[in-house]
Structures are given as C-alpha cells and as structure tokens.
N, C-alpha and C. Protein backbone atom coordinates (compact mmCIF):
# COMPACT_ATOMS: atom_id res chain seq x y z
N MET A 1 -9.10 -1.47 27.36
CA MET A 1 -9.60 -0.23 25.85
C MET A 1 -9.92 -2.06 25.43
N SER A 2 -11.29 -1.94 24.47
CA SER A 2 -12.18 -4.05 24.07
C SER A 2 -11.06 -4.46 23.08
N PHE A 3 -10.89 -5.56 22.44
CA PHE A 3 -9.98 -6.62 21.32
C PHE A 3 -11.07 -6.60 20.19
N CYS A 4 -12.04 -5.75 19.74
CA CYS A 4 -13.32 -5.30 19.00
C CYS A 4 -12.50 -3.90 18.42
N LEU A 5 -12.20 -2.73 19.25
CA LEU A 5 -11.28 -1.95 18.93
C LEU A 5 -10.55 -1.69 18.16
N VAL A 6 -9.13 -2.63 18.85
CA VAL A 6 -8.21 -2.89 18.70
C VAL A 6 -7.55 -3.96 17.22
N VAL A 7 -9.61 -4.99 16.83
CA VAL A 7 -9.30 -5.02 15.80
C VAL A 7 -9.69 -3.66 14.25
N CYS A 8 -10.38 -3.04 14.31
CA CYS A 8 -10.58 -2.09 13.74
C CYS A 8 -9.38 -0.94 13.46
N LEU A 9 -8.93 -0.79 14.65
CA LEU A 9 -8.74 0.38 14.48
C LEU A 9 -6.94 -0.34 13.39
N TRP A 10 -6.62 -2.08 13.83
CA TRP A 10 -5.42 -2.58 13.04
C TRP A 10 -6.04 -2.99 11.59
N GLU A 11 -7.02 -3.01 10.95
CA GLU A 11 -7.59 -2.97 9.51
C GLU A 11 -7.67 -1.27 9.26
N LEU A 12 -7.92 -0.25 10.05
CA LEU A 12 -7.83 0.63 9.34
C LEU A 12 -6.38 1.41 8.88
N ILE A 13 -5.40 0.44 10.04
CA ILE A 13 -4.06 1.13 9.85
C ILE A 13 -3.41 -0.13 8.15
N VAL A 14 -3.64 -1.12 8.07
CA VAL A 14 -3.17 -2.03 7.24
C VAL A 14 -4.24 -1.59 5.95
N LEU A 15 -5.28 -0.96 6.11
CA LEU A 15 -6.01 -0.34 5.00
C LEU A 15 -5.24 0.76 3.99
N THR A 16 -4.50 1.76 5.44
CA THR A 16 -4.18 3.04 4.39
C THR A 16 -3.18 2.62 3.61
N LEU A 17 -2.25 1.68 4.36
CA LEU A 17 -0.46 1.19 3.78
C LEU A 17 -0.62 0.85 2.85
N VAL A 18 -2.19 0.18 2.68
CA VAL A 18 -2.28 -0.86 1.73
C VAL A 18 -3.30 0.33 0.56
N VAL A 19 -3.24 1.49 0.40
CA VAL A 19 -3.94 2.10 -0.48
C VAL A 19 -3.13 2.83 -0.98
N ASP A 20 -1.70 3.20 0.46
CA ASP A 20 -0.94 3.77 0.09
C ASP A 20 0.38 3.23 -1.08
N ALA A 21 0.32 2.30 -0.68
CA ALA A 21 1.29 1.51 -1.79
C ALA A 21 0.25 0.89 -3.07
N TRP A 22 -0.72 1.59 -3.34
CA TRP A 22 -1.28 1.28 -4.55
C TRP A 22 -0.83 2.97 -4.99
N ALA A 23 -0.93 3.45 -4.70
CA ALA A 23 -1.18 4.90 -4.83
C ALA A 23 0.18 5.11 -5.97
N ASP A 24 2.05 4.61 -4.49
CA ASP A 24 2.70 4.57 -5.32
C ASP A 24 3.03 3.80 -6.69
N LEU A 25 2.57 2.77 -6.38
CA LEU A 25 2.16 1.79 -7.23
C LEU A 25 1.81 2.49 -9.13
N ILE A 26 0.68 3.17 -8.68
CA ILE A 26 0.05 3.94 -9.77
C ILE A 26 0.92 5.26 -10.49
N LYS A 27 1.98 5.72 -9.49
CA LYS A 27 1.75 6.88 -9.59
C LYS A 27 3.78 6.24 -10.81
N PHE A 28 4.66 4.58 -10.26
CA PHE A 28 5.47 4.58 -10.69
C PHE A 28 5.36 3.81 -12.21
N ASN A 29 3.67 3.41 -12.79
CA ASN A 29 2.81 3.10 -13.87
C ASN A 29 3.47 4.63 -14.54
N GLN A 30 2.39 5.20 -14.07
CA GLN A 30 2.41 7.64 -14.89
C GLN A 30 3.57 6.79 -15.49
N SER A 31 5.11 7.09 -14.23
CA SER A 31 5.62 7.77 -14.97
C SER A 31 7.28 6.59 -15.56
N GLY A 32 6.08 5.78 -16.44
CA GLY A 32 6.93 5.23 -17.42
C GLY A 32 7.61 3.83 -16.47
N LEU A 33 8.04 4.05 -15.30
CA LEU A 33 8.69 3.28 -14.30
C LEU A 33 8.90 1.69 -14.23
N HIS A 34 7.26 1.06 -15.16
CA HIS A 34 7.41 -0.34 -15.31
C HIS A 34 7.37 -0.37 -16.13
N ASN A 35 8.65 -0.61 -17.42
CA ASN A 35 9.30 -0.70 -18.12
C ASN A 35 10.25 -1.91 -17.67
N THR A 36 10.59 -1.58 -16.24
CA THR A 36 11.69 -2.33 -15.59
C THR A 36 11.55 -2.99 -14.25
N PRO A 37 10.62 -3.46 -14.84
CA PRO A 37 10.08 -4.64 -13.55
C PRO A 37 11.24 -5.16 -12.45
N ASN A 38 11.88 -5.15 -13.01
CA ASN A 38 13.30 -6.03 -12.20
C ASN A 38 13.96 -5.04 -10.69
N GLU A 39 13.29 -3.94 -11.52
CA GLU A 39 14.25 -3.08 -9.91
C GLU A 39 12.94 -2.15 -9.28
N ILE A 40 11.46 -2.55 -9.40
CA ILE A 40 10.73 -2.36 -8.21
C ILE A 40 10.62 -3.51 -7.67
N SER A 41 10.63 -5.53 -8.63
CA SER A 41 11.07 -6.36 -7.97
C SER A 41 11.60 -6.63 -6.55
N SER A 42 12.81 -5.81 -6.72
CA SER A 42 13.83 -5.94 -5.31
C SER A 42 13.64 -5.22 -5.07
C-alpha cells in the first residue's frame, strides 16, 4: 500500500468528519441551541 494512497484515504476520513461536525453545528443553530453557547463549547 503506497504512502500516497494512505494520505488520500486519511484526508477523505478527516473531510467526512469535518462535514459531519459542520452539519451538526447547522442542526444546532436551526434548533435554537445557539442561544446557549456554554453548553456546546463544554
């Protein structure tokens, strides 16, 4: 397994996690939980 393939796979996994986290943040904002930032940051 080549190094380039490993890096590409890793970046794909990280990108998926970032997109999932971003989608969760959007859901939080739409549900009104952004009024309590202390709970989200903790």
